[in-house]
């Protein structure tokens, strides 16, 4: 038996995903949806982002990885809503359109991550990447922003060609008694944006 026989892959629209799995997950887990690390990663918030913030050329597809255990019903392991955008506006000699895949990020923050229904395992994420790569050809895939962890590790190991477009750090300051001490501690590039 090969590794892929333990998994199945399914693509759903975001609306289909919410309709099908909200009922299934709520009945299995006593009315609770999967816990998100941040509120802006919850399904209601991402649904609002899809409804109000995406262009007409964009479509959210939820890439689902199911685990199959000894003939039982498939168990949803990972669901990753990704935005697929087709750019047909480029008039060139070739008739092909450019397909871009990006993370569905909240309009409130740029953090993105898949929804884990079971414990997160790097190999499961890599299996999901394999299915996505088999099913879709893309001109560009821009995933993130991720905090250090299993998602970032799985991406680095699975995709051999990658480029980090941006890396940011948050600056926290404590023990400030007045504005002058606060201003003095700020890095120079952050002093002028007020």
N, C-alpha and C. Protein backbone atom coordinates (compact mmCIF):
# COMPACT_ATOMS: atom_id res chain seq x y z
N UNK A 1 0.83 -1.17 0.00
CA UNK A 1 0.00 0.00 0.00
C UNK A 1 0.88 1.24 0.00
N UNK A 2 0.60 2.19 -0.88
CA UNK A 2 1.41 3.39 -0.94
C UNK A 2 0.87 4.45 0.01
N UNK A 3 1.70 5.47 0.24
CA UNK A 3 1.32 6.53 1.17
C UNK A 3 0.07 7.26 0.71
N UNK A 4 -0.08 7.46 -0.60
CA UNK A 4 -1.23 8.21 -1.11
C UNK A 4 -2.55 7.47 -0.91
N UNK A 5 -2.50 6.17 -0.69
CA UNK A 5 -3.74 5.42 -0.46
C UNK A 5 -4.32 5.70 0.92
N UNK A 6 -3.58 6.34 1.78
CA UNK A 6 -4.09 6.69 3.10
C UNK A 6 -4.75 8.06 3.11
N UNK A 7 -4.71 8.75 1.98
CA UNK A 7 -5.25 10.09 1.89
C UNK A 7 -6.18 10.21 0.70
N UNK A 8 -7.08 11.14 0.79
CA UNK A 8 -7.86 11.54 -0.38
C UNK A 8 -7.89 13.06 -0.40
N UNK A 9 -8.14 13.60 -1.57
CA UNK A 9 -8.08 15.04 -1.79
C UNK A 9 -9.39 15.48 -2.40
N UNK A 10 -9.85 16.65 -1.98
CA UNK A 10 -11.10 17.18 -2.51
C UNK A 10 -11.00 18.70 -2.55
N UNK A 11 -11.57 19.29 -3.60
CA UNK A 11 -11.63 20.75 -3.71
C UNK A 11 -13.08 21.18 -3.59
N UNK A 12 -13.30 22.22 -2.79
CA UNK A 12 -14.65 22.75 -2.60
C UNK A 12 -14.61 24.27 -2.69
N UNK A 13 -15.72 24.86 -3.10
CA UNK A 13 -15.81 26.32 -2.98
C UNK A 13 -15.92 26.63 -1.49
N UNK A 14 -15.65 27.86 -1.12
CA UNK A 14 -15.68 28.22 0.30
C UNK A 14 -17.09 28.04 0.88
N UNK A 15 -18.10 28.38 0.10
CA UNK A 15 -19.49 28.21 0.55
C UNK A 15 -19.82 26.74 0.74
N UNK A 16 -19.42 25.89 -0.21
CA UNK A 16 -19.65 24.44 -0.07
C UNK A 16 -18.95 23.89 1.16
N UNK A 17 -17.72 24.35 1.38
CA UNK A 17 -16.95 23.88 2.54
C UNK A 17 -17.67 24.23 3.84
N UNK A 18 -18.12 25.46 3.96
CA UNK A 18 -18.80 25.88 5.19
C UNK A 18 -20.09 25.08 5.37
N UNK A 19 -20.88 24.94 4.29
CA UNK A 19 -22.15 24.21 4.39
C UNK A 19 -21.95 22.74 4.76
N UNK A 20 -21.03 22.06 4.08
CA UNK A 20 -20.84 20.63 4.32
C UNK A 20 -20.17 20.33 5.65
N UNK A 21 -19.11 21.03 5.95
CA UNK A 21 -18.30 20.65 7.10
C UNK A 21 -18.71 21.30 8.40
N UNK A 22 -19.45 22.39 8.32
CA UNK A 22 -19.94 22.99 9.56
C UNK A 22 -20.88 22.01 10.25
N UNK A 23 -21.78 21.42 9.49
CA UNK A 23 -22.72 20.45 10.05
C UNK A 23 -21.98 19.22 10.56
N UNK A 24 -21.09 18.67 9.73
CA UNK A 24 -20.35 17.46 10.11
C UNK A 24 -19.50 17.71 11.34
N UNK A 25 -18.77 18.80 11.35
CA UNK A 25 -17.84 19.06 12.45
C UNK A 25 -18.60 19.40 13.74
N UNK A 26 -19.68 20.17 13.61
CA UNK A 26 -20.45 20.53 14.81
C UNK A 26 -21.09 19.32 15.45
N UNK A 27 -21.58 18.36 14.66
CA UNK A 27 -22.19 17.18 15.26
C UNK A 27 -21.15 16.29 15.92
N UNK A 28 -19.97 16.21 15.34
CA UNK A 28 -18.92 15.37 15.92
C UNK A 28 -18.25 16.01 17.13
N UNK A 29 -18.24 17.32 17.20
CA UNK A 29 -17.49 18.00 18.25
C UNK A 29 -18.36 18.92 19.10
N UNK A 30 -19.61 18.53 19.30
CA UNK A 30 -20.53 19.19 20.23
C UNK A 30 -20.70 20.68 19.95
N UNK A 31 -20.96 21.02 18.71
CA UNK A 31 -21.30 22.39 18.37
C UNK A 31 -20.14 23.35 18.24
N UNK A 32 -18.92 22.87 18.26
CA UNK A 32 -17.76 23.76 18.18
C UNK A 32 -17.05 23.59 16.85
N UNK A 33 -16.74 24.68 16.23
CA UNK A 33 -15.92 24.66 15.02
C UNK A 33 -14.46 24.54 15.45
N UNK A 34 -13.57 24.22 14.52
CA UNK A 34 -12.16 24.08 14.90
C UNK A 34 -11.63 25.39 15.47
N UNK A 35 -10.79 25.27 16.48
CA UNK A 35 -10.24 26.46 17.11
C UNK A 35 -9.19 27.08 16.21
N UNK A 36 -9.31 28.38 16.04
CA UNK A 36 -8.31 29.13 15.28
C UNK A 36 -7.42 29.86 16.27
N UNK A 37 -6.18 30.03 15.89
CA UNK A 37 -5.22 30.69 16.76
C UNK A 37 -5.58 32.17 16.94
N UNK A 38 -6.11 32.79 15.90
CA UNK A 38 -6.51 34.20 15.94
C UNK A 38 -7.94 34.31 15.44
N UNK A 39 -8.67 35.31 15.93
CA UNK A 39 -10.05 35.49 15.51
C UNK A 39 -10.15 35.71 14.00
N UNK A 40 -9.17 36.43 13.44
CA UNK A 40 -9.23 36.70 12.00
C UNK A 40 -8.92 35.47 11.14
N UNK A 41 -8.66 34.33 11.76
CA UNK A 41 -8.49 33.07 11.03
C UNK A 41 -9.71 32.16 11.16
N UNK A 42 -10.77 32.64 11.82
CA UNK A 42 -11.98 31.83 11.98
C UNK A 42 -12.79 31.83 10.67
N UNK A 43 -13.64 30.83 10.52
CA UNK A 43 -14.43 30.73 9.29
C UNK A 43 -15.35 31.92 9.05
N UNK A 44 -16.07 32.44 10.06
CA UNK A 44 -16.92 33.60 9.78
C UNK A 44 -16.13 34.81 9.28
N UNK A 45 -14.96 35.04 9.86
CA UNK A 45 -14.14 36.19 9.45
C UNK A 45 -13.61 35.98 8.02
N UNK A 46 -13.15 34.78 7.71
CA UNK A 46 -12.65 34.51 6.36
C UNK A 46 -13.77 34.55 5.33
N UNK A 47 -14.98 34.14 5.73
CA UNK A 47 -16.13 34.21 4.82
C UNK A 47 -16.45 35.67 4.49
N UNK A 48 -16.37 36.54 5.48
CA UNK A 48 -16.59 37.97 5.24
C UNK A 48 -15.50 38.53 4.33
N UNK A 49 -14.28 38.09 4.53
CA UNK A 49 -13.17 38.53 3.66
C UNK A 49 -13.44 38.12 2.23
N UNK A 50 -13.87 36.87 2.04
CA UNK A 50 -14.16 36.40 0.68
C UNK A 50 -15.29 37.21 0.06
N UNK A 51 -16.33 37.46 0.83
CA UNK A 51 -17.51 38.13 0.30
C UNK A 51 -17.25 39.59 -0.07
N UNK A 52 -16.50 40.30 0.76
CA UNK A 52 -16.39 41.74 0.59
C UNK A 52 -15.05 42.23 0.04
N UNK A 53 -14.01 41.43 0.09
CA UNK A 53 -12.68 41.95 -0.22
C UNK A 53 -12.02 41.38 -1.47
N UNK A 54 -12.57 40.35 -2.08
CA UNK A 54 -11.93 39.75 -3.24
C UNK A 54 -12.47 40.33 -4.54
N UNK A 55 -11.62 40.34 -5.56
CA UNK A 55 -12.03 40.85 -6.87
C UNK A 55 -12.95 39.84 -7.56
N UNK A 56 -13.60 40.29 -8.60
CA UNK A 56 -14.51 39.42 -9.35
C UNK A 56 -13.77 38.30 -10.07
N UNK A 57 -12.47 38.49 -10.34
CA UNK A 57 -11.68 37.46 -11.04
C UNK A 57 -11.15 36.40 -10.09
N UNK A 58 -11.43 36.55 -8.81
CA UNK A 58 -10.89 35.63 -7.80
C UNK A 58 -11.95 34.67 -7.31
N UNK A 59 -11.49 33.49 -6.97
CA UNK A 59 -12.38 32.46 -6.43
C UNK A 59 -11.63 31.74 -5.32
N UNK A 60 -12.31 31.51 -4.19
CA UNK A 60 -11.69 30.77 -3.10
C UNK A 60 -12.00 29.29 -3.28
N UNK A 61 -10.95 28.50 -3.31
CA UNK A 61 -11.09 27.04 -3.36
C UNK A 61 -10.47 26.49 -2.08
N UNK A 62 -11.24 25.66 -1.39
CA UNK A 62 -10.73 25.04 -0.17
C UNK A 62 -10.16 23.68 -0.56
N UNK A 63 -8.87 23.52 -0.33
CA UNK A 63 -8.18 22.27 -0.63
C UNK A 63 -8.22 21.41 0.63
N UNK A 64 -8.87 20.26 0.54
CA UNK A 64 -9.10 19.41 1.71
C UNK A 64 -8.32 18.10 1.60
N UNK A 65 -7.66 17.75 2.67
CA UNK A 65 -6.96 16.47 2.76
C UNK A 65 -7.69 15.62 3.77
N UNK A 66 -8.13 14.44 3.33
CA UNK A 66 -8.83 13.51 4.20
C UNK A 66 -7.91 12.32 4.49
N UNK A 67 -7.94 11.86 5.72
CA UNK A 67 -7.23 10.63 6.08
C UNK A 67 -8.21 9.48 5.98
N UNK A 68 -7.75 8.37 5.42
CA UNK A 68 -8.57 7.17 5.33
C UNK A 68 -7.93 6.11 6.20
N UNK A 69 -8.69 5.64 7.18
CA UNK A 69 -8.16 4.67 8.14
C UNK A 69 -8.96 3.38 8.03
N UNK A 70 -8.34 2.33 7.51
CA UNK A 70 -8.90 0.97 7.46
C UNK A 70 -10.38 0.90 7.10
N UNK A 71 -10.76 1.46 5.97
CA UNK A 71 -12.12 1.33 5.48
C UNK A 71 -13.16 2.17 6.19
N UNK A 72 -12.77 3.00 7.15
CA UNK A 72 -13.73 3.88 7.82
C UNK A 72 -14.04 5.08 6.93
N UNK A 73 -14.98 5.89 7.38
CA UNK A 73 -15.29 7.12 6.66
C UNK A 73 -14.05 8.02 6.66
N UNK A 74 -13.79 8.71 5.56
CA UNK A 74 -12.65 9.63 5.54
C UNK A 74 -12.79 10.71 6.61
N UNK A 75 -11.68 11.05 7.24
CA UNK A 75 -11.65 12.06 8.29
C UNK A 75 -10.95 13.29 7.73
N UNK A 76 -11.61 14.45 7.80
CA UNK A 76 -11.00 15.69 7.33
C UNK A 76 -9.82 16.03 8.22
N UNK A 77 -8.65 16.13 7.63
CA UNK A 77 -7.43 16.40 8.38
C UNK A 77 -7.02 17.86 8.26
N UNK A 78 -6.93 18.35 7.02
CA UNK A 78 -6.50 19.73 6.77
C UNK A 78 -7.42 20.34 5.72
N UNK A 79 -7.81 21.57 5.94
CA UNK A 79 -8.52 22.35 4.94
C UNK A 79 -7.78 23.67 4.77
N UNK A 80 -7.43 23.99 3.53
CA UNK A 80 -6.69 25.22 3.30
C UNK A 80 -7.40 26.05 2.24
N UNK A 81 -8.06 27.13 2.65
CA UNK A 81 -8.70 28.01 1.67
C UNK A 81 -7.65 28.87 0.97
N UNK A 82 -7.57 28.73 -0.35
CA UNK A 82 -6.63 29.51 -1.15
C UNK A 82 -7.39 30.27 -2.23
N UNK A 83 -6.93 31.46 -2.53
CA UNK A 83 -7.55 32.31 -3.54
C UNK A 83 -6.91 32.01 -4.89
N UNK A 84 -7.74 31.63 -5.86
CA UNK A 84 -7.27 31.38 -7.22
C UNK A 84 -7.75 32.54 -8.09
N UNK A 85 -6.81 33.21 -8.74
CA UNK A 85 -7.12 34.35 -9.59
C UNK A 85 -6.61 34.07 -10.99
N UNK A 86 -7.48 34.29 -11.97
CA UNK A 86 -7.11 34.11 -13.37
C UNK A 86 -7.03 35.48 -14.01
N UNK A 87 -5.87 35.80 -14.56
CA UNK A 87 -5.64 37.09 -15.19
C UNK A 87 -5.74 36.92 -16.70
N UNK A 88 -6.92 37.22 -17.24
CA UNK A 88 -7.13 37.11 -18.68
C UNK A 88 -6.91 38.44 -19.40
N UNK A 89 -6.60 39.49 -18.64
CA UNK A 89 -6.49 40.81 -19.23
C UNK A 89 -5.22 41.02 -20.03
N UNK A 90 -4.21 40.21 -19.77
CA UNK A 90 -2.94 40.37 -20.47
C UNK A 90 -3.09 39.91 -21.92
N UNK A 91 -3.02 40.85 -22.83
CA UNK A 91 -3.16 40.51 -24.25
C UNK A 91 -1.77 40.24 -24.79
N UNK A 92 -1.53 38.99 -25.08
CA UNK A 92 -0.23 38.57 -25.60
C UNK A 92 -0.47 37.62 -26.76
N UNK A 93 0.59 37.22 -27.39
CA UNK A 93 0.47 36.28 -28.50
C UNK A 93 -0.03 34.92 -28.03
N UNK A 94 0.32 34.55 -26.82
CA UNK A 94 -0.18 33.27 -26.31
C UNK A 94 -1.56 33.48 -25.72
N UNK A 95 -2.41 32.52 -25.91
CA UNK A 95 -3.80 32.63 -25.45
C UNK A 95 -3.97 32.17 -24.01
N UNK A 96 -2.88 31.81 -23.37
CA UNK A 96 -3.02 31.29 -22.01
C UNK A 96 -3.20 32.41 -21.00
N UNK A 97 -3.96 32.13 -19.98
CA UNK A 97 -4.16 33.10 -18.91
C UNK A 97 -3.22 32.77 -17.77
N UNK A 98 -2.94 33.76 -16.96
CA UNK A 98 -2.05 33.55 -15.82
C UNK A 98 -2.89 33.17 -14.61
N UNK A 99 -2.50 32.11 -13.96
CA UNK A 99 -3.20 31.60 -12.79
C UNK A 99 -2.34 31.90 -11.57
N UNK A 100 -2.90 32.66 -10.64
CA UNK A 100 -2.19 33.02 -9.42
C UNK A 100 -2.90 32.37 -8.23
N UNK A 101 -2.14 31.83 -7.32
CA UNK A 101 -2.69 31.26 -6.09
C UNK A 101 -2.09 32.02 -4.92
N UNK A 102 -2.96 32.50 -4.04
CA UNK A 102 -2.50 33.23 -2.85
C UNK A 102 -3.26 32.72 -1.64
N UNK A 103 -2.74 33.04 -0.49
CA UNK A 103 -3.42 32.68 0.75
C UNK A 103 -4.65 33.56 0.93
N UNK A 104 -5.69 32.99 1.49
CA UNK A 104 -6.85 33.78 1.89
C UNK A 104 -6.50 34.39 3.23
N UNK A 105 -6.19 35.67 3.21
CA UNK A 105 -5.83 36.34 4.45
C UNK A 105 -6.91 37.32 4.81
N UNK A 106 -7.05 37.54 6.07
CA UNK A 106 -8.03 38.47 6.59
C UNK A 106 -7.71 39.88 6.13
N UNK A 107 -8.73 40.72 6.00
CA UNK A 107 -8.47 42.11 5.68
C UNK A 107 -7.98 42.86 6.91
N UNK A 108 -7.91 42.19 8.04
CA UNK A 108 -7.45 42.80 9.28
C UNK A 108 -5.98 42.49 9.55
N UNK A 109 -5.52 41.32 9.17
CA UNK A 109 -4.11 40.97 9.36
C UNK A 109 -3.65 40.17 8.15
N UNK A 110 -2.36 39.98 8.04
CA UNK A 110 -1.83 39.24 6.89
C UNK A 110 -1.45 37.81 7.23
N UNK A 111 -1.74 37.37 8.44
CA UNK A 111 -1.38 36.01 8.85
C UNK A 111 -2.31 35.02 8.16
N UNK A 112 -1.74 33.94 7.65
CA UNK A 112 -2.52 32.91 6.98
C UNK A 112 -2.03 31.55 7.44
N UNK A 113 -2.95 30.62 7.52
CA UNK A 113 -2.56 29.25 7.82
C UNK A 113 -3.72 28.32 7.51
N UNK A 114 -3.41 27.07 7.24
CA UNK A 114 -4.49 26.11 7.00
C UNK A 114 -5.27 25.83 8.27
N UNK A 115 -6.45 25.25 8.09
CA UNK A 115 -7.28 24.87 9.23
C UNK A 115 -6.99 23.40 9.51
N UNK A 116 -6.48 23.12 10.69
CA UNK A 116 -6.16 21.75 11.07
C UNK A 116 -7.32 21.17 11.87
N UNK A 117 -7.89 20.08 11.39
CA UNK A 117 -8.97 19.42 12.10
C UNK A 117 -8.44 18.30 12.98
N UNK A 118 -7.27 17.80 12.64
CA UNK A 118 -6.59 16.80 13.47
C UNK A 118 -5.24 17.41 13.83
N UNK A 119 -4.43 16.70 14.56
CA UNK A 119 -3.13 17.26 14.94
C UNK A 119 -2.30 17.56 13.69
N UNK A 120 -1.59 18.67 13.73
CA UNK A 120 -0.83 19.10 12.56
C UNK A 120 0.45 18.29 12.42
N UNK A 121 0.61 17.71 11.24
CA UNK A 121 1.78 16.90 10.94
C UNK A 121 2.37 17.42 9.63
N UNK A 122 3.67 17.65 9.62
CA UNK A 122 4.35 18.21 8.45
C UNK A 122 4.15 17.33 7.21
N UNK A 123 4.19 16.03 7.37
CA UNK A 123 4.03 15.12 6.24
C UNK A 123 2.64 15.23 5.63
N UNK A 124 1.62 15.46 6.46
CA UNK A 124 0.27 15.65 5.93
C UNK A 124 0.19 16.92 5.08
N UNK A 125 0.83 17.98 5.53
CA UNK A 125 0.86 19.22 4.75
C UNK A 125 1.57 19.00 3.42
N UNK A 126 2.66 18.27 3.45
CA UNK A 126 3.38 17.99 2.21
C UNK A 126 2.55 17.14 1.26
N UNK A 127 1.74 16.24 1.80
CA UNK A 127 0.83 15.45 0.96
C UNK A 127 -0.21 16.37 0.31
N UNK A 128 -0.72 17.34 1.07
CA UNK A 128 -1.67 18.30 0.52
C UNK A 128 -1.01 19.12 -0.59
N UNK A 129 0.23 19.57 -0.38
CA UNK A 129 0.96 20.30 -1.43
C UNK A 129 1.08 19.45 -2.69
N UNK A 130 1.33 18.17 -2.52
CA UNK A 130 1.47 17.27 -3.65
C UNK A 130 0.17 17.21 -4.46
N UNK A 131 -0.95 17.10 -3.78
CA UNK A 131 -2.24 17.08 -4.48
C UNK A 131 -2.50 18.40 -5.19
N UNK A 132 -2.22 19.52 -4.53
CA UNK A 132 -2.43 20.83 -5.15
C UNK A 132 -1.57 20.96 -6.40
N UNK A 133 -0.31 20.54 -6.32
CA UNK A 133 0.60 20.62 -7.46
C UNK A 133 0.13 19.73 -8.62
N UNK A 134 -0.46 18.58 -8.31
CA UNK A 134 -0.96 17.69 -9.36
C UNK A 134 -2.19 18.26 -10.05
N UNK A 135 -3.04 18.94 -9.29
CA UNK A 135 -4.33 19.41 -9.81
C UNK A 135 -4.27 20.79 -10.46
N UNK A 136 -3.29 21.59 -10.12
CA UNK A 136 -3.26 22.98 -10.60
C UNK A 136 -1.89 23.35 -11.14
N UNK A 137 -1.91 24.09 -12.23
CA UNK A 137 -0.70 24.74 -12.71
C UNK A 137 -0.87 26.22 -12.42
N UNK A 138 0.17 26.88 -11.97
CA UNK A 138 0.04 28.28 -11.63
C UNK A 138 1.22 29.06 -12.15
N UNK A 139 0.96 30.34 -12.39
CA UNK A 139 2.01 31.26 -12.80
C UNK A 139 2.78 31.73 -11.57
N UNK A 140 2.05 31.97 -10.49
CA UNK A 140 2.71 32.32 -9.22
C UNK A 140 1.87 31.79 -8.07
N UNK A 141 2.55 31.41 -7.01
CA UNK A 141 1.89 30.98 -5.78
C UNK A 141 2.54 31.77 -4.65
N UNK A 142 1.72 32.59 -3.99
CA UNK A 142 2.22 33.42 -2.91
C UNK A 142 1.47 33.05 -1.64
N UNK A 143 2.15 32.32 -0.79
CA UNK A 143 1.54 31.85 0.45
C UNK A 143 2.16 32.57 1.62
N UNK A 144 1.36 32.84 2.62
CA UNK A 144 1.88 33.46 3.84
C UNK A 144 1.07 34.69 4.17
N UNK A 145 1.40 35.35 5.14
CA UNK A 145 2.57 35.29 5.99
C UNK A 145 2.38 34.21 7.07
N UNK A 146 3.47 33.53 7.37
CA UNK A 146 3.44 32.47 8.37
C UNK A 146 4.36 32.83 9.51
N UNK A 147 3.97 32.39 10.67
CA UNK A 147 4.89 32.46 11.79
C UNK A 147 5.76 31.21 11.70
N UNK A 148 6.90 31.24 12.36
CA UNK A 148 7.78 30.07 12.34
C UNK A 148 7.00 28.88 12.89
N UNK A 149 7.10 27.77 12.22
CA UNK A 149 6.39 26.59 12.69
C UNK A 149 6.26 25.56 11.60
N UNK A 150 5.31 24.67 11.78
CA UNK A 150 5.18 23.50 10.92
C UNK A 150 4.82 23.87 9.48
N UNK A 151 3.99 24.90 9.28
CA UNK A 151 3.60 25.28 7.92
C UNK A 151 4.81 25.82 7.16
N UNK A 152 5.55 26.71 7.78
CA UNK A 152 6.75 27.26 7.13
C UNK A 152 7.77 26.17 6.83
N UNK A 153 7.96 25.25 7.76
CA UNK A 153 8.92 24.15 7.55
C UNK A 153 8.49 23.26 6.39
N UNK A 154 7.20 22.93 6.34
CA UNK A 154 6.70 22.06 5.27
C UNK A 154 6.86 22.72 3.90
N UNK A 155 6.58 24.02 3.82
CA UNK A 155 6.74 24.73 2.55
C UNK A 155 8.19 24.75 2.09
N UNK A 156 9.09 25.06 3.00
CA UNK A 156 10.51 25.13 2.65
C UNK A 156 11.02 23.78 2.17
N UNK A 157 10.58 22.71 2.81
CA UNK A 157 11.04 21.37 2.43
C UNK A 157 10.39 20.86 1.14
N UNK A 158 9.13 21.22 0.90
CA UNK A 158 8.43 20.66 -0.26
C UNK A 158 8.77 21.38 -1.56
N UNK A 159 8.73 22.72 -1.54
CA UNK A 159 8.96 23.48 -2.76
C UNK A 159 10.43 23.87 -2.86
N UNK A 160 11.16 23.32 -3.84
CA UNK A 160 12.59 23.60 -3.93
C UNK A 160 12.90 25.02 -4.39
N UNK A 161 12.02 25.61 -5.20
CA UNK A 161 12.25 26.96 -5.72
C UNK A 161 11.29 27.91 -5.03
N UNK A 162 11.86 28.82 -4.28
CA UNK A 162 11.03 29.76 -3.54
C UNK A 162 11.81 31.03 -3.32
N UNK A 163 11.07 32.09 -3.04
CA UNK A 163 11.70 33.37 -2.76
C UNK A 163 10.88 34.07 -1.69
N UNK A 164 11.55 34.54 -0.68
CA UNK A 164 10.87 35.29 0.37
C UNK A 164 10.74 36.72 -0.12
N UNK A 165 9.49 37.19 -0.25
CA UNK A 165 9.25 38.55 -0.72
C UNK A 165 9.40 39.57 0.39
N UNK A 166 8.99 39.18 1.58
CA UNK A 166 9.02 40.14 2.67
C UNK A 166 9.09 39.38 3.98
N UNK A 167 9.85 39.91 4.90
CA UNK A 167 9.91 39.34 6.23
C UNK A 167 9.85 40.49 7.21
N UNK A 168 8.92 40.41 8.14
CA UNK A 168 8.74 41.51 9.09
C UNK A 168 8.88 41.01 10.51
N UNK A 169 9.19 41.92 11.37
CA UNK A 169 9.27 41.64 12.80
C UNK A 169 8.46 42.69 13.54
N UNK A 170 7.86 42.29 14.62
CA UNK A 170 7.14 43.23 15.47
C UNK A 170 8.09 43.74 16.54
N UNK A 171 7.91 45.00 16.90
CA UNK A 171 8.74 45.63 17.93
C UNK A 171 7.84 45.91 19.13
N UNK A 172 8.24 45.40 20.28
CA UNK A 172 7.48 45.61 21.51
C UNK A 172 8.35 46.40 22.49
N UNK A 173 7.73 47.35 23.17
CA UNK A 173 8.46 48.16 24.14
C UNK A 173 7.70 48.13 25.46
N UNK A 174 8.45 47.98 26.53
CA UNK A 174 7.84 47.98 27.86
C UNK A 174 8.59 48.96 28.75
N UNK A 175 7.96 49.33 29.83
CA UNK A 175 8.61 50.19 30.81
C UNK A 175 8.74 51.64 30.40
N UNK A 176 7.91 52.10 29.49
CA UNK A 176 7.95 53.51 29.09
C UNK A 176 7.12 54.34 30.05
N UNK A 177 7.69 55.43 30.52
CA UNK A 177 6.96 56.28 31.46
C UNK A 177 6.38 57.50 30.77
N UNK A 178 6.93 57.89 29.62
CA UNK A 178 6.39 59.04 28.91
C UNK A 178 6.67 58.89 27.41
N UNK A 179 6.13 59.81 26.64
CA UNK A 179 6.26 59.73 25.19
C UNK A 179 7.71 59.87 24.74
N UNK A 180 8.48 60.72 25.39
CA UNK A 180 9.88 60.93 24.99
C UNK A 180 10.69 59.64 25.10
N UNK A 181 10.51 58.88 26.17
CA UNK A 181 11.25 57.63 26.31
C UNK A 181 10.76 56.59 25.29
N UNK A 182 9.46 56.60 25.02
CA UNK A 182 8.90 55.71 24.00
C UNK A 182 9.50 56.03 22.63
N UNK A 183 9.53 57.31 22.28
CA UNK A 183 10.04 57.75 20.98
C UNK A 183 11.52 57.44 20.84
N UNK A 184 12.27 57.59 21.90
CA UNK A 184 13.71 57.36 21.87
C UNK A 184 14.04 55.88 21.63
N UNK A 185 13.20 54.97 22.13
CA UNK A 185 13.46 53.53 21.99
C UNK A 185 13.08 52.98 20.62
N UNK A 186 12.30 53.71 19.88
CA UNK A 186 11.84 53.20 18.58
C UNK A 186 12.97 53.13 17.58
N UNK A 187 12.98 52.11 16.74
CA UNK A 187 13.97 52.07 15.66
C UNK A 187 13.80 53.29 14.75
N UNK A 188 14.86 53.75 14.15
CA UNK A 188 14.82 55.00 13.38
C UNK A 188 13.79 54.96 12.25
N UNK A 189 13.61 53.81 11.60
CA UNK A 189 12.65 53.76 10.50
C UNK A 189 11.21 53.85 10.97
N UNK A 190 10.99 53.69 12.28
CA UNK A 190 9.62 53.78 12.81
C UNK A 190 9.36 55.12 13.51
N UNK A 191 10.29 56.03 13.50
CA UNK A 191 10.08 57.30 14.20
C UNK A 191 9.21 58.26 13.41
N UNK A 192 9.25 58.20 12.12
CA UNK A 192 8.54 59.18 11.31
C UNK A 192 7.14 58.78 10.87
N UNK A 193 6.70 57.53 10.96
CA UNK A 193 5.39 57.20 10.40
C UNK A 193 4.18 57.72 11.17
N UNK A 194 4.39 58.37 12.32
CA UNK A 194 3.23 58.91 13.04
C UNK A 194 2.59 59.91 12.18
